[in-house]
């Protein structure tokens, strides 16, 4: 009888603990949704308040609501923090109808911030009876300050940037120019980062006369097969010479426009030997997301890979 009573007490404690966890998760999901709604209403959804502020707030809240047991190993604490954070993240993303691309690029910085908060908490717990109070105070302060990047111009780093790619082709400049007017198909094997993004499925193009507008159509299934976003990018030809093509973007409703604002392109052709041309493609764009330390190198790498891919599949073929 005592064994049965002990088992029932253990089971009751386990159920109570599980129920407490789910109440914490529901509370945190509600907190995340309220925070995101406030950022959207304030036009601050692309700032570091979303990518650093909300994750750090959630991590601090989990630490307070789920105080670790004194004898619990640190890796058990970190595992529980990570699991609850992941559930809250995925639940919030589903409610907000976010696509898999947003989730894929938010997860690394999300867990980086969660891990930093965990380390701050561990540092505070282990150092509170020792020296090092200055560091204990500075670490949370640094997180707080970095969370406000992008909220004002004075708290924003340089946004306008460019990237270039260069390839050498066994073609004349005239042949490269003719390739630019041929039908385009970008559904080819590409760099791992570019493969995450669906390529344009239709191009309205065919001439390279100044003033012409080329229309690029995109289709992004946020949930792989449904919740579809359709958009267009309109590219105007500004200047054309036998060795250069200069364009600007005059309209962009593609899913890329959430991450960056494309400004224009410049193609330069340099015939380095008879029948051999050095092709350089430059993309000018404006970064829309903060913090810069995370999104600037990521976007610069992606745009440079896209420039190289475009040269190889459209200009060289």
Protein backbone atom coordinates (compact mmCIF):
# COMPACT_ATOMS: atom_id res chain seq x y z
CA UNK A 1 0.00 0.00 0.00
CA UNK A 2 2.82 2.34 0.87
CA UNK A 3 4.40 1.65 -2.53
CA UNK A 4 1.19 2.58 -4.34
CA UNK A 5 0.83 5.79 -2.30
CA UNK A 6 4.43 6.71 -3.02
CA UNK A 7 3.92 6.10 -6.75
CA UNK A 8 0.75 8.22 -6.77
CA UNK A 9 2.55 11.03 -4.95
CA UNK A 10 5.39 10.87 -7.48
CA UNK A 11 2.95 10.86 -10.40
CA UNK A 12 1.05 13.81 -8.94
CA UNK A 13 4.26 15.78 -8.52
CA UNK A 14 5.27 15.03 -12.11
CA UNK A 15 1.88 16.07 -13.49
CA UNK A 16 1.95 19.24 -11.42
CA UNK A 17 5.43 20.04 -12.72
CA UNK A 18 4.39 19.41 -16.36
CA UNK A 19 1.27 21.54 -15.92
CA UNK A 20 3.38 24.34 -14.46
CA UNK A 21 5.71 24.23 -17.48
CA UNK A 22 2.81 24.56 -19.93
CA UNK A 23 1.38 27.49 -17.99
CA UNK A 24 4.79 29.14 -18.22
CA UNK A 25 4.93 28.46 -21.97
CA UNK A 26 1.44 29.90 -22.56
CA UNK A 27 2.35 32.98 -20.54
CA UNK A 28 5.56 33.47 -22.51
CA UNK A 29 3.84 32.99 -25.89
CA UNK A 30 1.32 35.66 -24.88
CA UNK A 31 4.19 37.93 -23.78
CA UNK A 32 6.01 37.41 -27.11
CA UNK A 33 2.88 38.09 -29.17
CA UNK A 34 2.10 41.27 -27.23
CA UNK A 35 5.69 42.46 -27.67
CA UNK A 36 5.66 41.76 -31.42
CA UNK A 37 2.28 43.48 -31.81
CA UNK A 38 3.62 46.58 -30.05
CA UNK A 39 6.73 46.60 -32.26
CA UNK A 40 4.61 46.25 -35.40
CA UNK A 41 2.35 49.11 -34.34
CA UNK A 42 5.41 51.27 -33.62
CA UNK A 43 7.10 50.37 -36.94
CA UNK A 44 10.01 48.84 -35.02
CA UNK A 45 9.55 45.25 -36.16
CA UNK A 46 12.81 45.23 -38.14
CA UNK A 47 14.95 46.58 -35.29
CA UNK A 48 17.09 44.77 -32.73
CA UNK A 49 14.17 45.05 -30.28
CA UNK A 50 12.72 42.03 -32.09
CA UNK A 51 15.93 40.06 -32.60
CA UNK A 52 17.63 40.83 -29.26
CA UNK A 53 15.08 42.54 -27.00
CA UNK A 54 12.32 39.94 -27.14
CA UNK A 55 14.58 36.83 -26.90
CA UNK A 56 16.48 38.29 -23.92
CA UNK A 57 13.21 39.27 -22.21
CA UNK A 58 11.85 35.75 -22.70
CA UNK A 59 15.07 34.20 -21.39
CA UNK A 60 15.03 36.39 -18.28
CA UNK A 61 11.35 35.59 -17.75
CA UNK A 62 11.98 31.84 -18.04
CA UNK A 63 14.84 32.13 -15.56
CA UNK A 64 12.58 33.89 -13.07
CA UNK A 65 9.55 31.64 -13.57
CA UNK A 66 11.52 28.40 -13.67
CA UNK A 67 14.09 28.92 -10.95
CA UNK A 68 16.63 26.06 -11.17
CA UNK A 69 16.96 23.64 -8.28
CA UNK A 70 20.16 24.11 -6.25
CA UNK A 71 21.40 20.60 -7.05
CA UNK A 72 20.46 20.72 -10.76
CA UNK A 73 23.48 20.55 -13.13
CA UNK A 74 24.00 23.59 -15.34
CA UNK A 75 23.47 21.61 -18.56
CA UNK A 76 20.03 20.49 -17.33
CA UNK A 77 19.18 24.15 -16.69
CA UNK A 78 20.38 25.14 -20.16
CA UNK A 79 18.50 22.25 -21.79
CA UNK A 80 15.25 23.28 -20.10
CA UNK A 81 15.76 26.95 -21.00
CA UNK A 82 16.47 26.02 -24.65
CA UNK A 83 13.50 23.66 -24.93
CA UNK A 84 11.00 26.14 -23.47
CA UNK A 85 12.47 28.93 -25.63
CA UNK A 86 12.15 26.79 -28.76
CA UNK A 87 8.51 25.90 -28.03
CA UNK A 88 7.67 29.56 -27.40
CA UNK A 89 9.47 30.57 -30.60
CA UNK A 90 7.72 28.01 -32.81
CA UNK A 91 4.29 28.64 -31.25
CA UNK A 92 4.66 32.41 -31.77
CA UNK A 93 5.82 31.90 -35.36
CA UNK A 94 2.80 29.71 -36.16
CA UNK A 95 0.37 32.26 -34.72
CA UNK A 96 2.05 35.04 -36.74
CA UNK A 97 2.07 32.87 -39.93
CA UNK A 98 5.82 33.33 -40.37
CA UNK A 99 7.49 31.36 -43.15
CA UNK A 100 10.27 28.82 -42.91
CA UNK A 101 12.86 31.30 -44.22
CA UNK A 102 12.17 33.80 -41.42
CA UNK A 103 12.34 30.99 -38.86
CA UNK A 104 15.60 29.63 -40.29
CA UNK A 105 17.38 32.99 -40.12
CA UNK A 106 15.90 34.04 -36.77
CA UNK A 107 16.83 30.82 -34.93
CA UNK A 108 20.64 31.33 -34.80
CA UNK A 109 20.51 34.83 -33.30
CA UNK A 110 17.56 33.82 -31.09
CA UNK A 111 19.51 31.00 -29.46
CA UNK A 112 22.67 33.08 -29.33
CA UNK A 113 20.84 35.69 -27.24
CA UNK A 114 19.20 32.98 -25.10
CA UNK A 115 22.64 31.46 -24.44
CA UNK A 116 24.16 34.83 -23.51
CA UNK A 117 21.35 35.47 -21.03
CA UNK A 118 21.91 32.01 -19.54
CA UNK A 119 25.62 32.73 -19.16
CA UNK A 120 24.83 36.10 -17.53
CA UNK A 121 22.54 34.37 -15.05
CA UNK A 122 25.14 31.70 -14.31
CA UNK A 123 27.76 34.38 -13.84
CA UNK A 124 25.53 36.29 -11.43
CA UNK A 125 24.75 33.15 -9.42
CA UNK A 126 28.37 31.99 -9.17
CA UNK A 127 29.93 35.41 -8.63
CA UNK A 128 27.44 37.05 -6.30
CA UNK A 129 29.53 36.14 -3.26
CA UNK A 130 32.83 36.99 -4.92
CA UNK A 131 34.48 39.90 -6.63
CA UNK A 132 33.50 40.82 -10.18
CA UNK A 133 30.34 42.80 -9.46
CA UNK A 134 31.25 45.26 -12.21
CA UNK A 135 31.15 42.53 -14.87
CA UNK A 136 27.86 41.21 -13.45
CA UNK A 137 26.36 44.67 -13.98
CA UNK A 138 27.88 45.30 -17.41
CA UNK A 139 26.76 42.12 -19.20
CA UNK A 140 22.96 42.68 -18.86
CA UNK A 141 23.53 46.37 -19.63
CA UNK A 142 25.26 45.50 -22.92
CA UNK A 143 22.30 43.32 -23.93
CA UNK A 144 19.89 46.14 -23.06
CA UNK A 145 21.82 48.73 -25.06
CA UNK A 146 22.29 46.47 -28.12
CA UNK A 147 18.56 45.73 -28.17
CA UNK A 148 17.84 49.34 -29.18
CA UNK A 149 19.92 49.31 -32.37
CA UNK A 150 17.88 50.59 -35.30
CA UNK A 151 15.17 52.28 -33.23
CA UNK A 152 16.48 55.75 -34.23
CA UNK A 153 18.92 57.06 -36.82
CA UNK A 154 21.47 57.86 -34.11
CA UNK A 155 21.31 54.23 -32.93
CA UNK A 156 21.64 52.78 -36.45
CA UNK A 157 24.77 51.76 -38.30
CA UNK A 158 25.35 52.34 -42.03
CA UNK A 159 22.60 50.60 -44.00
CA UNK A 160 23.50 51.24 -47.65
CA UNK A 161 25.99 48.73 -49.00
CA UNK A 162 27.04 46.96 -52.17
CA UNK A 163 28.64 43.73 -53.24
CA UNK A 164 30.36 42.63 -56.44
CA UNK A 165 31.18 39.40 -58.21
CA UNK A 166 33.65 38.90 -61.06
CA UNK A 167 33.98 36.05 -63.52
CA UNK A 168 36.04 35.52 -66.69
CA UNK A 169 34.18 34.07 -69.70
CA UNK A 170 35.36 32.84 -73.09
CA UNK A 171 32.93 35.21 -74.77
CA UNK A 172 33.10 38.63 -76.37
CA UNK A 173 31.27 41.56 -74.71
CA UNK A 174 28.76 41.45 -77.57
CA UNK A 175 27.97 37.78 -76.87
CA UNK A 176 27.49 38.54 -73.16
CA UNK A 177 25.07 41.34 -74.07
CA UNK A 178 23.08 38.99 -76.30
CA UNK A 179 22.85 36.45 -73.48
CA UNK A 180 21.22 39.10 -71.29
CA UNK A 181 18.27 39.30 -73.70
CA UNK A 182 17.68 35.54 -73.90
CA UNK A 183 15.02 33.73 -71.77
CA UNK A 184 16.16 33.27 -68.16
CA UNK A 185 15.82 30.18 -65.99
CA UNK A 186 17.36 30.39 -62.50
CA UNK A 187 16.07 27.05 -61.20
CA UNK A 188 19.55 25.58 -61.25
CA UNK A 189 21.84 24.12 -58.63
CA UNK A 190 23.17 26.95 -56.46
CA UNK A 191 25.00 27.89 -53.26
CA UNK A 192 23.59 26.41 -49.99
CA UNK A 193 22.37 29.82 -48.80
CA UNK A 194 20.71 30.69 -52.11
CA UNK A 195 19.02 27.27 -52.19
CA UNK A 196 16.95 28.32 -49.17
CA UNK A 197 15.27 31.02 -51.25
CA UNK A 198 12.91 30.22 -54.13
CA UNK A 199 14.13 31.73 -57.36
CA UNK A 200 12.00 33.97 -59.62
CA UNK A 201 9.71 31.88 -61.81
CA UNK A 202 9.05 34.36 -64.64
CA UNK A 203 10.89 37.26 -66.30
CA UNK A 204 9.30 39.93 -68.50
CA UNK A 205 12.44 41.00 -70.32
CA UNK A 206 13.88 40.87 -73.78
CA UNK A 207 15.59 44.11 -74.69
CA UNK A 208 18.29 46.37 -73.31
CA UNK A 209 17.08 49.81 -74.35
CA UNK A 210 17.36 52.75 -71.92
CA UNK A 211 14.00 53.27 -70.22
CA UNK A 212 12.88 49.64 -70.60
CA UNK A 213 11.41 48.04 -67.49
CA UNK A 214 12.06 44.37 -66.77
CA UNK A 215 9.59 42.67 -64.45
CA UNK A 216 10.66 39.76 -62.27
CA UNK A 217 7.94 37.61 -60.67
CA UNK A 218 8.47 35.68 -57.43
CA UNK A 219 6.36 33.21 -55.48
CA UNK A 220 7.18 32.17 -51.93
CA UNK A 221 5.23 29.46 -50.09
CA UNK A 222 5.73 30.42 -46.44
CA UNK A 223 4.60 26.96 -45.29
CA UNK A 224 6.30 25.02 -48.13
CA UNK A 225 3.08 24.49 -50.14
CA UNK A 226 0.65 27.11 -48.82
CA UNK A 227 0.44 30.60 -47.22
CA UNK A 228 1.84 31.99 -50.47
CA UNK A 229 3.34 35.43 -51.00
CA UNK A 230 3.55 36.68 -54.59
CA UNK A 231 5.51 39.73 -55.59
CA UNK A 232 7.21 41.59 -58.41
CA UNK A 233 10.47 43.44 -58.84
CA UNK A 234 10.59 46.12 -61.54
CA UNK A 235 14.05 46.90 -62.88
CA UNK A 236 14.50 49.94 -65.11
CA UNK A 237 17.34 50.15 -67.63
CA UNK A 238 19.08 53.50 -67.08
CA UNK A 239 22.18 53.35 -69.28
CA UNK A 240 23.49 50.94 -71.89
CA UNK A 241 26.86 50.98 -73.66
CA UNK A 242 28.69 48.15 -75.46
CA UNK A 243 30.47 47.33 -72.17
CA UNK A 244 28.11 48.52 -69.41
CA UNK A 245 24.50 48.20 -68.27
CA UNK A 246 23.26 50.34 -65.40
CA UNK A 247 19.84 49.72 -63.81
CA UNK A 248 17.76 50.83 -60.85
CA UNK A 249 14.95 49.16 -58.91
CA UNK A 250 11.72 51.17 -59.06
CA UNK A 251 9.29 48.68 -57.49
CA UNK A 252 9.74 45.70 -55.17
CA UNK A 253 7.02 43.65 -53.48
CA UNK A 254 8.98 40.39 -53.36
CA UNK A 255 9.62 38.62 -50.07
CA UNK A 256 13.24 39.83 -50.34
CA UNK A 257 12.04 43.39 -49.69
CA UNK A 258 11.41 42.46 -46.04
CA UNK A 259 15.13 41.87 -45.54
CA UNK A 260 16.69 44.50 -47.80
CA UNK A 261 15.81 47.24 -50.28
CA UNK A 262 17.44 46.65 -53.65
CA UNK A 263 18.69 49.89 -55.20
CA UNK A 264 20.18 48.92 -58.54
CA UNK A 265 22.81 47.00 -60.48
CA UNK A 266 25.78 47.73 -62.71
CA UNK A 267 27.27 45.29 -65.21
CA UNK A 268 30.80 46.03 -66.49
CA UNK A 269 32.49 44.09 -69.30
CA UNK A 270 36.24 44.22 -69.87
CA UNK A 271 37.67 42.35 -72.86
CA UNK A 272 41.00 41.18 -71.46
CA UNK A 273 41.94 39.17 -74.58
CA UNK A 274 40.34 38.41 -77.94
CA UNK A 275 37.25 36.35 -77.21
CA UNK A 276 37.74 36.58 -73.42
CA UNK A 277 35.79 38.96 -71.20
CA UNK A 278 36.00 39.83 -67.53
CA UNK A 279 32.44 40.32 -66.22
CA UNK A 280 31.74 42.30 -63.05
CA UNK A 281 28.29 42.61 -61.54
CA UNK A 282 27.59 45.05 -58.72
CA UNK A 283 24.47 44.99 -56.53
CA UNK A 284 23.58 48.10 -54.50
CA UNK A 285 21.14 47.56 -51.65
CA UNK A 286 19.99 48.86 -48.28
CA UNK A 287 19.87 46.64 -45.20
CA UNK A 288 16.47 46.73 -43.46
CA UNK A 289 17.16 44.54 -40.42
CA UNK A 290 19.11 45.08 -37.21
CA UNK A 291 21.45 44.25 -35.53
CA UNK A 292 24.07 45.00 -38.16
CA UNK A 293 26.68 42.61 -36.72
CA UNK A 294 24.39 39.69 -37.63
CA UNK A 295 22.50 40.77 -40.75
CA UNK A 296 25.16 42.82 -42.58
CA UNK A 297 27.67 39.96 -43.17
CA UNK A 298 24.83 37.50 -43.85
CA UNK A 299 23.22 39.72 -46.49
CA UNK A 300 26.54 40.72 -48.05
CA UNK A 301 27.49 37.07 -48.46
CA UNK A 302 24.06 36.17 -49.90
CA UNK A 303 24.13 39.08 -52.38
CA UNK A 304 27.67 38.25 -53.53
CA UNK A 305 26.64 34.64 -54.12
CA UNK A 306 23.57 35.84 -56.03
CA UNK A 307 25.72 38.11 -58.20
CA UNK A 308 28.07 35.26 -59.07
CA UNK A 309 25.15 32.92 -59.77
CA UNK A 310 23.53 35.51 -62.07
CA UNK A 311 26.75 35.97 -64.04
CA UNK A 312 27.22 32.25 -64.53
CA UNK A 313 23.61 31.35 -65.38
CA UNK A 314 22.50 34.43 -67.32
CA UNK A 315 25.55 36.15 -68.81
CA UNK A 316 27.86 33.18 -69.43
CA UNK A 317 25.40 30.25 -69.61
